[in-house]
Amino acid sequence: MDLQTLTYIVVGFTFTLYIGIAIWARAGTTSEFYAAGRGVHPVANGMATAADWMSAASFISMAGLIAFKGYDASLFLMGWTGGYVLLAMLLAPYLRKFGKFTVPEFIGDRYYSQTARLVAVICLIVASITYVIGQMKGIGVAFSRFLELDYETGLYVGMAIVFFYAVLGGMKGVTYTQIAQYCVLIFAYTVPAIFISMNLTGNPIPQLGLFSNTVADGTPLLVKLDQVVMDLGFAQYTAQKGGTLNMVLYTFSLMIGTAGLPHVIIRFFTVPKVKDARSSAGWALVFIAILYTTAPAVGSMARLNLTNTIQTGPVGEVSANLEYEKRPQWFKNWEKTGLLKYEDKNGDGRIQYYNDKNKDFAAKAESFGWKGNEMTKVDRDIMVLANPEIAKLPNWVIALVAAGGLAAALSTAAGLLLAISTSISHDLLKSMFMKGISEKNELLAARISMAGAIAVAGYLGLHPPGFAAQTVALAFGLAASSIFPALMMGIFNKRVNNTGAVTGMLVGLGSTLLYIFTYKGWFFLPGTNMLPNTTANHLFGISPEAFGAIGAMLNFASATIVSKMTAPPPEHIQHLVEDIRIPKGSGTAVDH
């Protein structure tokens, strides 16, 4: 069976499964729409949380960044998994004990202020919309290749699928759909990794294959990869190339951004008891670790396969190798999407892929007759999806990877859109502007606001500010600088008052947005960068994706200073903070 037909069958089956689950688990009340009726088992919630968490950035983009950045991209592994430890230990159980539906609701009640609640909603929407842009990018990439649609059409199809099962099912439908999506995505990620590890190293376990010897010549895989990329003028794959300060701040930003992301936090509102929140976080880490420990192997093997497929043989012999295939079929397939481009600069009909910015390698390249790097565009988000084709795996594996990439993007997009819609319908309409709204109308408002969020995210997804993982990293920085400090101080510092919290959130969010817009431009207006987005121009070498950690520090500092200069919170609020922290009655929670 040809690849396209098989892909339609596999992807169609998974979509039918998701929609069927959404219909079966259709939300009938606001409690089911917002928190799945608080009846989800911790193991099931852990699996749903893992799917919610492992977005297109994790499935599609992270290994692609590892493939090209090598050691420097390990910060994604450290930041995103480390953040879950913070979430499990410092936030999830306390927020569940408080017993509300949304993050802005907690902030509004803890800081006894509707203004604080409104600012929290703004922070949530800004971070979540930025995050969902990355998911839309992943959806467009997957559809454009495997369903042979252009990027824009693929994006619109993905929006329609998310609209159906997220708007219909709410948190209840999304939860059970995400369990199915986790099964699809983890199977789709690990199966090709096993095949490729076997082909390259003879070891079926990718995590071990990464440190094994290659089958071809017995050289350790990472040593071989270092040799291959350095022979082509690139930096050593396993060496640190970026600045240490930026790497530390980037990692820290991802960690606290993880702990502050509303769409992840609201998952812990769905379990019956406070202790189940901790248990859910633990299970989520187990399910996430399966993919995250596999990603370095996938990225490294993808880079080696890419380079060897395009340029076989030692450097210098490529152009003289008459047996060399001028352009592999997988390359031609991806060229059609516009995400991979090639320019035959020296007219030899072959592809020269090397670092033409390396001055030391320039003379050698010129002696080979090379006129510059001919891979003029390689969208790193294609690497995981193209990897099975590059390795010449069976068509059913390639189709499975397409279904997995779509599952990852759709599951997180649904969670993000749900967080946005609940903040609008519950925190803005019901709690601030339409306090007498009926439950039926509140549910309708939630669905309408989700539809609006899908439309906005889709439009912005047409012009993403970077690769999926880079776009997601910006969202983490925004959550880290605005929401995380407010939650932490709300739980562990009873002296912080409403004025301090509002000031902190505005300072954190404002400073981070200013830094991002300075170097990334107003990303929804393409081509409007204010300054060149290069490391040399960044303040102390700090990239926009890493600035969230600085924004968080500014948030903490400004909130603390303002709170000390103004009146302390009312006594009952201080008692509330103590009650949240003290672990008495660990099986109880205050609900509506």
Protein backbone atom coordinates (compact mmCIF):
# COMPACT_ATOMS: atom_id res chain seq x y z
CA MET A 1 0.00 0.00 0.00
CA ASP A 2 1.38 3.43 -0.93
CA LEU A 3 2.39 5.90 1.78
CA GLN A 4 -0.33 8.49 1.20
CA THR A 5 -3.18 5.95 1.35
CA LEU A 6 -1.73 4.34 4.46
CA THR A 7 -1.29 7.74 6.10
CA TYR A 8 -4.90 8.68 5.40
CA ILE A 9 -6.06 5.41 6.96
CA VAL A 10 -3.92 5.70 10.11
CA VAL A 11 -4.57 9.41 10.67
CA GLY A 12 -8.25 9.00 9.82
CA PHE A 13 -8.59 6.18 12.34
CA THR A 14 -7.02 8.25 15.12
CA PHE A 15 -9.21 11.27 14.32
CA THR A 16 -12.31 9.07 14.40
CA LEU A 17 -11.19 7.74 17.77
CA TYR A 18 -10.71 11.24 19.20
CA ILE A 19 -14.07 12.49 17.94
CA GLY A 20 -15.83 9.35 19.18
CA ILE A 21 -14.37 9.82 22.65
CA ALA A 22 -15.41 13.49 22.63
CA ILE A 23 -19.00 12.52 21.83
CA TRP A 24 -18.99 9.79 24.51
CA ALA A 25 -17.53 12.14 27.14
CA ARG A 26 -19.53 15.22 26.18
CA ALA A 27 -19.63 17.78 29.01
CA GLY A 28 -23.12 18.53 30.28
CA THR A 29 -22.27 20.81 33.20
CA THR A 30 -19.74 23.55 33.89
CA SER A 31 -18.02 21.27 36.41
CA GLU A 32 -17.49 18.67 33.69
CA PHE A 33 -16.43 21.32 31.18
CA TYR A 34 -13.93 23.01 33.54
CA ALA A 35 -12.66 20.11 35.71
CA ALA A 36 -14.08 16.84 34.30
CA GLY A 37 -16.34 16.55 37.35
CA ARG A 38 -13.21 16.07 39.55
CA GLY A 39 -13.47 12.34 39.02
CA VAL A 40 -10.36 11.44 37.00
CA HIS A 41 -8.13 8.67 38.39
CA PRO A 42 -4.54 9.81 39.15
CA VAL A 43 -2.96 7.35 36.68
CA ALA A 44 -5.37 8.38 33.92
CA ASN A 45 -4.81 12.03 34.78
CA GLY A 46 -1.05 11.49 34.68
CA MET A 47 -1.34 10.07 31.18
CA ALA A 48 -3.64 12.90 30.07
CA THR A 49 -1.26 15.44 31.63
CA ALA A 50 1.66 13.90 29.77
CA ALA A 51 -0.21 14.22 26.47
CA ASP A 52 -1.24 17.76 27.37
CA TRP A 53 2.38 18.52 28.14
CA MET A 54 4.13 16.72 25.27
CA SER A 55 3.15 19.10 22.54
CA ALA A 56 4.37 19.55 19.01
CA ALA A 57 7.42 21.18 20.60
CA SER A 58 8.26 17.94 22.41
CA PHE A 59 7.30 15.47 19.68
CA ILE A 60 8.25 17.34 16.52
CA SER A 61 10.56 20.20 17.37
CA MET A 62 12.71 19.25 20.37
CA ALA A 63 14.59 16.42 18.67
CA GLY A 64 14.98 18.66 15.60
CA LEU A 65 16.68 21.28 17.74
CA ILE A 66 18.84 18.60 19.38
CA ALA A 67 19.78 17.38 15.89
CA PHE A 68 21.19 20.77 14.91
CA LYS A 69 22.23 22.32 18.22
CA GLY A 70 23.59 19.21 19.90
CA TYR A 71 24.62 19.66 23.53
CA ASP A 72 23.17 23.17 23.77
CA ALA A 73 19.65 21.85 23.13
CA SER A 74 19.85 19.68 26.26
CA LEU A 75 18.47 22.66 28.17
CA PHE A 76 15.01 21.73 26.84
CA LEU A 77 15.28 18.31 28.48
CA MET A 78 16.47 19.77 31.79
CA GLY A 79 14.06 22.69 31.85
CA TRP A 80 10.88 20.92 30.85
CA THR A 81 11.33 17.87 33.07
CA GLY A 82 12.72 19.85 36.02
CA GLY A 83 9.70 22.09 35.90
CA TYR A 84 7.44 19.16 36.64
CA VAL A 85 9.31 18.51 39.87
CA LEU A 86 8.62 22.10 40.91
CA LEU A 87 5.00 21.73 39.91
CA ALA A 88 4.53 18.49 41.85
CA MET A 89 6.26 19.72 45.00
CA LEU A 90 5.38 23.40 45.20
CA LEU A 91 2.11 24.09 43.39
CA ALA A 92 -0.18 21.22 42.36
CA PRO A 93 -1.30 19.90 45.77
CA TYR A 94 -1.82 23.35 47.28
CA LEU A 95 -3.82 24.64 44.34
CA ARG A 96 -5.96 21.49 44.37
CA LYS A 97 -6.56 21.95 48.09
CA PHE A 98 -7.78 25.47 47.41
CA GLY A 99 -10.42 23.83 45.23
CA LYS A 100 -11.09 26.34 42.46
CA PHE A 101 -11.56 25.83 38.73
CA THR A 102 -8.93 28.18 37.28
CA VAL A 103 -5.59 29.83 38.02
CA PRO A 104 -6.99 33.40 37.81
CA GLU A 105 -9.69 32.37 40.29
CA PHE A 106 -7.03 31.36 42.80
CA ILE A 107 -5.11 34.59 42.24
CA GLY A 108 -8.25 36.71 42.53
CA ASP A 109 -9.32 35.07 45.82
CA ARG A 110 -5.84 34.87 47.34
CA TYR A 111 -5.11 38.52 46.59
CA TYR A 112 -8.72 39.56 47.38
CA SER A 113 -8.87 41.61 44.20
CA GLN A 114 -10.81 41.51 40.96
CA THR A 115 -8.01 43.58 39.43
CA ALA A 116 -5.52 40.84 40.28
CA ARG A 117 -7.87 38.32 38.71
CA LEU A 118 -8.18 40.40 35.54
CA VAL A 119 -4.40 40.82 35.25
CA ALA A 120 -3.99 37.05 35.75
CA VAL A 121 -6.45 36.42 32.91
CA ILE A 122 -4.45 38.74 30.64
CA CYS A 123 -1.19 36.94 31.56
CA LEU A 124 -2.83 33.56 30.97
CA ILE A 125 -4.20 34.52 27.56
CA VAL A 126 -0.91 36.05 26.37
CA ALA A 127 1.14 32.99 27.42
CA SER A 128 -1.41 30.45 26.17
CA ILE A 129 -1.95 32.10 22.78
CA THR A 130 1.83 32.24 22.26
CA TYR A 131 2.07 28.57 23.21
CA VAL A 132 -0.72 27.47 20.91
CA ILE A 133 0.98 29.16 17.94
CA GLY A 134 3.72 26.53 18.28
CA GLN A 135 1.13 23.76 18.18
CA MET A 136 -0.45 25.21 15.07
CA LYS A 137 3.01 25.26 13.45
CA GLY A 138 3.38 21.55 14.24
CA ILE A 139 -0.05 20.74 12.83
CA GLY A 140 0.76 22.61 9.62
CA VAL A 141 4.12 20.86 9.22
CA ALA A 142 2.64 17.37 9.71
CA PHE A 143 -0.31 17.88 7.38
CA SER A 144 1.71 19.61 4.67
CA ARG A 145 3.92 16.57 4.10
CA PHE A 146 1.92 13.47 4.89
CA LEU A 147 -1.50 14.53 3.64
CA GLU A 148 0.12 16.44 0.76
CA LEU A 149 -1.55 19.70 1.63
CA ASP A 150 0.02 23.13 1.75
CA TYR A 151 0.95 24.48 5.19
CA GLU A 152 -2.04 26.83 5.43
CA THR A 153 -4.61 24.20 4.47
CA GLY A 154 -3.12 21.74 6.96
CA LEU A 155 -3.44 24.36 9.65
CA TYR A 156 -7.12 24.96 8.89
CA VAL A 157 -7.89 21.21 8.98
CA GLY A 158 -6.19 20.91 12.38
CA MET A 159 -8.16 23.86 13.69
CA ALA A 160 -11.40 22.18 12.65
CA ILE A 161 -10.52 18.92 14.43
CA VAL A 162 -9.58 20.72 17.65
CA PHE A 163 -12.72 22.82 17.45
CA PHE A 164 -14.94 19.76 17.28
CA TYR A 165 -13.67 17.70 20.20
CA ALA A 166 -12.51 20.51 22.49
CA VAL A 167 -15.60 22.69 22.15
CA LEU A 168 -17.91 19.70 22.45
CA GLY A 169 -16.28 17.81 25.30
CA GLY A 170 -14.61 20.46 27.45
CA MET A 171 -12.21 19.16 30.10
CA LYS A 172 -14.05 15.86 30.37
CA GLY A 173 -13.84 15.14 26.66
CA VAL A 174 -10.30 16.55 26.38
CA THR A 175 -9.07 14.38 29.29
CA TYR A 176 -10.14 11.06 27.78
CA THR A 177 -9.13 12.15 24.29
CA GLN A 178 -5.67 13.02 25.60
CA ILE A 179 -5.29 9.54 27.10
CA ALA A 180 -5.85 8.08 23.62
CA GLN A 181 -3.52 10.68 22.12
CA TYR A 182 -0.77 9.79 24.58
CA CYS A 183 -0.95 6.14 23.53
CA VAL A 184 -0.73 7.15 19.86
CA LEU A 185 2.10 9.65 20.23
CA ILE A 186 4.33 7.58 22.50
CA PHE A 187 3.97 4.51 20.24
CA ALA A 188 4.65 6.68 17.19
CA TYR A 189 7.78 8.19 18.77
CA THR A 190 9.42 5.07 20.16
CA VAL A 191 8.77 2.56 17.32
CA PRO A 192 10.82 4.39 14.65
CA ALA A 193 13.46 5.20 17.27
CA ILE A 194 13.85 1.47 17.92
CA PHE A 195 14.13 0.72 14.19
CA ILE A 196 16.73 3.44 13.60
CA SER A 197 18.76 2.50 16.69
CA MET A 198 18.85 -1.10 15.45
CA ASN A 199 19.98 0.01 11.99
CA LEU A 200 22.76 2.26 13.24
CA THR A 201 24.00 0.49 16.38
CA GLY A 202 22.36 -2.94 16.55
CA ASN A 203 20.87 -1.94 19.92
CA PRO A 204 17.03 -1.89 20.03
CA ILE A 205 16.95 0.50 23.01
CA PRO A 206 17.53 4.05 21.67
CA GLN A 207 18.70 5.38 25.06
CA LEU A 208 21.49 2.79 25.02
CA GLY A 209 22.05 2.96 21.29
CA LEU A 210 23.04 6.61 21.64
CA PHE A 211 26.15 5.50 23.56
CA SER A 212 26.79 2.31 21.53
CA ASN A 213 29.12 1.64 18.64
CA THR A 214 27.87 2.04 15.07
CA VAL A 215 27.32 -1.13 13.05
CA ALA A 216 29.21 0.25 10.04
CA ASP A 217 32.69 0.70 11.55
CA GLY A 218 32.43 0.11 15.29
CA THR A 219 32.92 3.80 16.14
CA PRO A 220 30.84 5.11 19.07
CA LEU A 221 27.79 6.86 17.60
CA LEU A 222 28.45 10.24 19.21
CA VAL A 223 32.14 10.12 18.24
CA LYS A 224 31.09 9.33 14.67
CA LEU A 225 28.62 12.21 14.66
CA ASP A 226 31.23 14.64 16.00
CA GLN A 227 33.62 13.52 13.26
CA VAL A 228 31.02 13.86 10.48
CA VAL A 229 29.82 17.36 11.38
CA MET A 230 33.30 18.71 12.12
CA ASP A 231 34.54 17.36 8.77
CA LEU A 232 31.91 19.60 7.17
CA GLY A 233 32.96 22.71 9.07
CA PHE A 234 30.27 22.60 11.76
CA ALA A 235 30.97 22.94 15.48
CA GLN A 236 31.50 19.80 17.55
CA TYR A 237 28.11 18.24 18.20
CA THR A 238 28.74 17.22 21.82
CA ALA A 239 30.43 20.47 22.90
CA GLN A 240 28.80 23.51 24.49
CA LYS A 241 28.69 26.33 21.97
CA GLY A 242 26.44 28.98 23.56
CA GLY A 243 27.04 31.18 26.57
CA THR A 244 26.74 29.63 30.02
CA LEU A 245 24.66 32.50 31.43
CA ASN A 246 22.10 32.22 28.65
CA MET A 247 21.92 28.44 29.01
CA VAL A 248 21.33 28.67 32.79
CA LEU A 249 18.67 31.36 32.43
CA TYR A 250 17.04 29.53 29.52
CA THR A 251 16.82 26.33 31.58
CA PHE A 252 15.51 28.19 34.61
CA SER A 253 12.92 29.99 32.47
CA LEU A 254 11.66 26.69 31.08
CA MET A 255 11.50 25.16 34.56
CA ILE A 256 9.46 27.85 36.25
CA GLY A 257 7.48 28.40 33.08
CA THR A 258 6.45 24.75 33.24
CA ALA A 259 5.26 25.19 36.79
CA GLY A 260 3.34 28.32 35.85
CA LEU A 261 1.53 27.18 32.72
CA PRO A 262 -2.23 27.34 33.35
CA HIS A 263 -3.21 24.54 30.96
CA VAL A 264 -0.97 22.15 32.91
CA ILE A 265 -2.04 23.38 36.34
CA ILE A 266 -5.77 22.99 35.63
CA ARG A 267 -5.20 19.30 34.99
CA PHE A 268 -4.65 18.86 38.72
CA PHE A 269 -8.09 20.31 39.44
CA THR A 270 -9.66 17.20 37.86
CA VAL A 271 -8.65 14.62 40.51
CA PRO A 272 -10.85 13.77 43.52
CA LYS A 273 -8.36 14.43 46.35
CA VAL A 274 -5.36 16.60 47.20
CA LYS A 275 -3.03 13.61 47.51
CA ASP A 276 -4.15 12.55 44.03
CA ALA A 277 -2.65 15.78 42.67
CA ARG A 278 0.83 14.72 43.83
CA SER A 279 0.26 11.21 42.52
CA SER A 280 -0.86 12.56 39.14
CA ALA A 281 2.31 14.63 38.84
CA GLY A 282 4.43 11.58 39.61
CA TRP A 283 2.67 9.45 37.01
CA ALA A 284 2.93 12.27 34.47
CA LEU A 285 6.72 12.34 34.99
CA VAL A 286 6.90 8.60 34.35
CA PHE A 287 4.92 8.87 31.12
CA ILE A 288 6.85 11.96 29.99
CA ALA A 289 10.23 10.34 30.71
CA ILE A 290 9.59 7.66 28.08
CA LEU A 291 9.69 10.29 25.33
CA TYR A 292 12.19 12.66 26.89
CA THR A 293 14.87 10.03 27.42
CA THR A 294 14.39 8.92 23.81
CA ALA A 295 14.63 12.41 22.27
CA PRO A 296 18.47 12.81 22.46
CA ALA A 297 18.89 9.54 20.56
CA VAL A 298 16.29 10.53 17.97
CA GLY A 299 17.93 13.93 17.40
CA SER A 300 21.47 12.58 17.17
CA MET A 301 20.56 9.72 14.85
CA ALA A 302 18.49 12.04 12.66
CA ARG A 303 21.46 14.39 12.19
CA LEU A 304 23.77 11.49 11.31
CA ASN A 305 21.27 10.00 8.86
CA LEU A 306 20.60 13.40 7.28
CA THR A 307 24.27 14.11 6.66
CA ASN A 308 25.15 10.62 5.45
CA THR A 309 22.14 10.45 3.14
CA ILE A 310 22.93 13.73 1.42
CA GLN A 311 26.74 13.45 1.40
CA THR A 312 28.08 9.94 1.49
CA GLY A 313 31.77 9.16 1.67
CA PRO A 314 34.64 11.28 3.01
CA VAL A 315 34.63 15.04 2.50
CA GLY A 316 36.12 15.89 -0.88
CA GLU A 317 35.05 12.65 -2.55
CA VAL A 318 31.38 13.57 -2.75
CA SER A 319 31.45 15.54 -5.99
CA ALA A 320 33.59 12.85 -7.64
CA ASN A 321 31.34 9.99 -6.54
CA LEU A 322 29.45 9.09 -9.74
CA GLU A 323 27.33 6.50 -7.88
CA TYR A 324 25.99 9.12 -5.53
CA GLU A 325 22.23 9.74 -5.85
CA LYS A 326 21.84 13.39 -6.79
CA ARG A 327 18.80 14.00 -4.62
CA PRO A 328 17.21 11.31 -2.42
CA GLN A 329 13.47 10.71 -2.82
CA TRP A 330 12.74 11.75 0.75
CA PHE A 331 14.39 15.09 -0.01
CA LYS A 332 12.20 15.60 -3.08
CA ASN A 333 9.11 14.74 -1.03
CA TRP A 334 9.85 17.40 1.58
CA GLU A 335 10.83 20.00 -1.03
CA LYS A 336 7.17 20.05 -2.10
CA THR A 337 6.17 21.41 1.33
CA GLY A 338 8.44 24.45 1.08
CA LEU A 339 10.04 23.50 4.42
CA LEU A 340 13.18 22.14 2.73
CA LYS A 341 14.90 24.01 -0.11
CA TYR A 342 17.96 23.32 -2.25
CA GLU A 343 19.92 25.51 -4.66
CA ASP A 344 22.48 23.97 -7.00
CA LYS A 345 25.08 26.73 -6.70
CA ASN A 346 27.90 24.98 -8.60
CA GLY A 347 25.74 23.19 -11.17
CA ASP A 348 26.92 19.65 -10.40
CA GLY A 349 23.42 18.35 -9.65
CA ARG A 350 24.42 17.22 -6.18
CA ILE A 351 23.84 18.66 -2.71
CA GLN A 352 26.71 20.20 -0.79
CA TYR A 353 25.69 20.55 2.85
CA TYR A 354 28.39 22.22 4.94
CA ASN A 355 29.12 25.29 7.05
CA ASP A 356 30.02 27.96 4.51
CA LYS A 357 30.45 30.50 7.30
CA ASN A 358 33.46 28.64 8.69
CA LYS A 359 36.47 30.60 7.42
CA ASP A 360 38.88 27.76 8.15
CA PHE A 361 36.81 25.38 6.00
CA ALA A 362 36.19 27.86 3.17
CA ALA A 363 39.47 27.19 1.32
CA LYS A 364 38.97 23.44 1.50
CA ALA A 365 35.41 23.76 0.21
CA GLU A 366 36.60 25.94 -2.67
CA SER A 367 39.16 23.30 -3.67
CA PHE A 368 36.29 20.80 -3.92
CA GLY A 369 34.50 23.09 -6.34
CA TRP A 370 31.81 23.97 -3.81
CA LYS A 371 30.23 27.41 -4.12
CA GLY A 372 28.39 27.56 -0.79
CA ASN A 373 25.98 25.54 1.34
CA GLU A 374 23.25 24.36 -1.02
CA MET A 375 20.74 23.40 1.69
CA THR A 376 19.28 26.90 1.66
CA LYS A 377 16.40 26.04 4.00
CA VAL A 378 16.06 23.22 6.52
CA ASP A 379 13.11 23.73 8.83
CA ARG A 380 14.22 21.87 11.95
CA ASP A 381 10.63 20.93 12.73
CA ILE A 382 10.68 18.40 9.88
CA MET A 383 13.47 16.23 11.32
CA VAL A 384 11.42 13.85 13.48
CA LEU A 385 8.77 13.44 10.79
CA ALA A 386 11.36 13.00 8.01
CA ASN A 387 13.61 10.69 10.05
CA PRO A 388 11.77 7.43 9.17
CA GLU A 389 11.84 8.36 5.47
CA ILE A 390 15.54 9.19 5.62
CA ALA A 391 16.20 5.84 7.31
CA LYS A 392 14.02 4.07 4.69
CA LEU A 393 11.69 2.53 7.25
CA PRO A 394 8.43 0.81 6.21
CA ASN A 395 5.52 3.01 5.14
CA TRP A 396 3.40 2.00 8.13
CA VAL A 397 6.05 3.44 10.47
CA ILE A 398 6.11 6.72 8.54
CA ALA A 399 2.30 6.92 8.68
CA LEU A 400 2.39 6.19 12.40
CA VAL A 401 4.82 9.07 13.00
CA ALA A 402 2.48 11.43 11.14
CA ALA A 403 -0.40 10.37 13.40
CA GLY A 404 1.81 10.80 16.48
CA GLY A 405 2.92 14.30 15.52
CA LEU A 406 -0.68 15.36 14.98
CA ALA A 407 -1.74 13.77 18.29
CA ALA A 408 0.95 15.72 20.15
CA ALA A 409 -0.01 19.03 18.60
CA LEU A 410 -3.76 18.52 18.91
CA SER A 411 -3.68 17.35 22.55
CA THR A 412 -1.77 20.39 23.79
CA ALA A 413 -3.72 22.79 21.59
CA ALA A 414 -6.95 21.50 23.15
CA GLY A 415 -5.61 21.96 26.69
CA LEU A 416 -4.44 25.49 25.97
CA LEU A 417 -7.69 26.52 24.34
CA LEU A 418 -9.60 25.08 27.26
CA ALA A 419 -7.54 27.17 29.69
CA ILE A 420 -8.25 30.29 27.62
CA SER A 421 -11.98 29.64 27.33
CA THR A 422 -12.45 28.91 31.05
CA SER A 423 -10.61 32.09 32.02
CA ILE A 424 -12.88 34.13 29.75
CA SER A 425 -16.21 32.48 30.61
CA HIS A 426 -15.60 31.78 34.30
CA ASP A 427 -13.17 34.47 35.42
CA LEU A 428 -14.33 37.38 33.29
CA LEU A 429 -18.01 36.80 32.53
CA LYS A 430 -19.34 34.87 35.53
CA SER A 431 -17.14 36.42 38.19
CA MET A 432 -16.80 40.01 36.98
CA PHE A 433 -19.12 41.19 34.23
CA MET A 434 -22.17 38.86 34.28
CA LYS A 435 -22.38 37.55 37.81
CA GLY A 436 -25.97 36.36 37.42
CA ILE A 437 -25.32 34.26 34.33
CA SER A 438 -26.94 30.81 34.36
CA GLU A 439 -24.87 27.63 34.17
CA LYS A 440 -26.28 26.89 30.70
CA ASN A 441 -25.26 30.31 29.37
CA GLU A 442 -21.87 30.08 31.07
CA LEU A 443 -21.27 26.79 29.28
CA LEU A 444 -22.32 28.38 25.99
CA ALA A 445 -19.99 31.32 26.62
CA ALA A 446 -17.11 28.92 27.32
CA ARG A 447 -17.67 27.19 23.98
CA ILE A 448 -17.97 30.45 22.06
CA SER A 449 -14.78 31.84 23.65
CA MET A 450 -12.94 28.63 22.76
CA ALA A 451 -14.06 28.97 19.14
CA GLY A 452 -12.74 32.54 19.14
CA ALA A 453 -9.43 31.43 20.65
CA ILE A 454 -9.04 28.77 17.94
CA ALA A 455 -9.56 31.41 15.24
CA VAL A 456 -6.98 33.78 16.75
CA ALA A 457 -4.43 31.00 17.32
CA GLY A 458 -4.86 29.76 13.78
CA TYR A 459 -4.27 33.22 12.31
CA LEU A 460 -1.13 33.74 14.39
CA GLY A 461 0.00 30.19 13.53
CA LEU A 462 0.26 31.25 9.88
CA HIS A 463 3.17 33.54 10.86
CA PRO A 464 5.00 31.87 13.78
CA PRO A 465 7.99 33.75 15.26
CA GLY A 466 10.25 30.69 15.09
CA PHE A 467 10.43 26.92 15.20
CA ALA A 468 7.75 25.23 17.29
CA ALA A 469 10.05 24.70 20.29
CA GLN A 470 11.35 28.27 20.11
CA THR A 471 7.82 29.67 19.99
CA VAL A 472 6.82 27.48 22.92
CA ALA A 473 9.90 28.66 24.83
CA LEU A 474 8.65 32.25 24.48
CA ALA A 475 5.33 31.15 26.03
CA PHE A 476 7.20 29.55 28.92
CA GLY A 477 9.09 32.77 29.49
CA LEU A 478 5.83 34.71 29.63
CA ALA A 479 4.30 32.24 32.11
CA ALA A 480 7.51 32.22 34.15
CA SER A 481 7.65 35.99 34.43
CA SER A 482 3.98 36.61 35.21
CA ILE A 483 2.02 33.66 36.64
CA PHE A 484 4.57 31.52 38.48
CA PRO A 485 5.74 34.22 40.93
CA ALA A 486 2.13 35.18 41.77
CA LEU A 487 1.29 31.56 42.55
CA MET A 488 4.44 30.95 44.59
CA MET A 489 4.07 34.09 46.67
CA GLY A 490 0.35 33.42 47.03
CA ILE A 491 1.09 30.05 48.65
CA PHE A 492 4.31 30.68 50.57
CA ASN A 493 4.33 34.39 51.45
CA LYS A 494 1.29 35.63 53.35
CA ARG A 495 2.71 39.18 53.49
CA VAL A 496 2.33 39.80 49.73
CA ASN A 497 -0.80 41.86 49.14
CA ASN A 498 -2.97 42.63 46.13
CA THR A 499 -1.09 45.79 45.12
CA GLY A 500 2.22 43.95 45.20
CA ALA A 501 0.88 40.99 43.22
CA VAL A 502 -0.64 43.16 40.50
CA THR A 503 2.54 45.24 40.25
CA GLY A 504 4.69 42.12 40.07
CA MET A 505 2.63 40.50 37.32
CA LEU A 506 2.59 43.66 35.22
CA VAL A 507 6.32 44.27 35.66
CA GLY A 508 7.20 40.65 34.88
CA LEU A 509 4.94 40.35 31.84
CA GLY A 510 5.72 43.84 30.53
CA SER A 511 9.51 43.50 30.76
CA THR A 512 9.48 40.09 29.08
CA LEU A 513 7.18 41.22 26.27
CA LEU A 514 9.34 44.31 25.71
CA TYR A 515 12.48 42.18 25.43
CA ILE A 516 10.80 39.68 23.09
CA PHE A 517 9.38 42.40 20.84
CA THR A 518 12.73 44.19 20.77
CA TYR A 519 14.57 41.20 19.33
CA LYS A 520 11.81 39.09 17.76
CA GLY A 521 9.65 41.89 16.40
CA TRP A 522 5.85 42.09 16.58
CA PHE A 523 5.55 38.51 15.39
CA PHE A 524 1.99 38.85 14.12
CA LEU A 525 3.23 41.49 11.67
CA PRO A 526 5.93 39.61 9.68
CA GLY A 527 9.15 41.41 8.92
CA THR A 528 8.98 44.02 11.68
CA ASN A 529 12.02 43.09 13.79
CA MET A 530 13.35 46.18 15.56
CA LEU A 531 16.87 44.83 16.15
CA PRO A 532 18.74 41.93 14.52
CA ASN A 533 17.96 38.82 16.57
CA THR A 534 21.55 37.71 17.06
CA THR A 535 23.39 36.69 20.21
CA ALA A 536 25.85 39.55 19.79
CA ASN A 537 23.02 42.09 20.06
CA HIS A 538 21.24 40.48 23.00
CA LEU A 539 21.63 42.09 26.41
CA PHE A 540 24.54 40.19 28.06
CA GLY A 541 23.95 37.44 25.49
CA ILE A 542 20.52 36.61 26.95
CA SER A 543 18.15 35.36 24.24
CA PRO A 544 14.45 36.34 24.21
CA GLU A 545 13.55 32.73 25.07
CA ALA A 546 15.69 32.93 28.23
CA PHE A 547 14.52 36.32 29.46
CA GLY A 548 11.53 34.87 31.33
CA ALA A 549 13.83 34.06 34.25
CA ILE A 550 14.85 37.72 34.49
CA GLY A 551 11.22 38.77 34.24
CA ALA A 552 10.38 36.42 37.11
CA MET A 553 13.09 37.95 39.28
CA LEU A 554 11.72 41.41 38.54
CA ASN A 555 8.24 40.16 39.40
CA PHE A 556 9.33 38.73 42.77
CA ALA A 557 11.34 41.84 43.62
CA SER A 558 8.71 44.42 42.69
CA ALA A 559 5.88 42.50 44.40
CA THR A 560 7.89 42.15 47.59
CA ILE A 561 8.97 45.81 47.69
CA VAL A 562 5.49 47.19 46.95
CA SER A 563 3.88 44.84 49.50
CA LYS A 564 6.25 46.04 52.21
CA MET A 565 5.47 49.66 51.39
CA THR A 566 1.69 49.12 51.55
CA ALA A 567 -0.80 47.66 54.01
CA PRO A 568 -0.57 43.91 54.76
CA PRO A 569 -3.32 41.55 53.55
CA PRO A 570 -6.42 41.19 55.77
CA GLU A 571 -6.08 38.71 58.62
CA HIS A 572 -8.48 36.20 57.08
CA ILE A 573 -6.37 36.10 53.91
CA GLN A 574 -3.25 35.40 55.95
CA HIS A 575 -5.08 32.55 57.69
CA LEU A 576 -6.20 31.28 54.27
CA VAL A 577 -2.57 31.10 53.12
CA GLU A 578 -1.62 29.12 56.21
CA ASP A 579 -4.56 26.75 55.72
CA ILE A 580 -3.51 26.06 52.13
CA ARG A 581 0.03 25.13 53.15
CA ILE A 582 -0.66 23.05 56.25
CA PRO A 583 -1.17 19.44 55.12
CA LYS A 584 -3.98 18.65 57.53
CA GLY A 585 -6.85 16.72 55.97
CA SER A 586 -4.79 15.75 52.94
CA GLY A 587 -7.76 14.05 51.37
CA THR A 588 -10.03 17.07 51.47
CA ALA A 589 -10.38 20.19 49.39
CA VAL A 590 -12.61 23.21 49.38
CA ASP A 591 -14.85 23.06 46.30
CA HIS A 592 -17.63 25.23 44.98
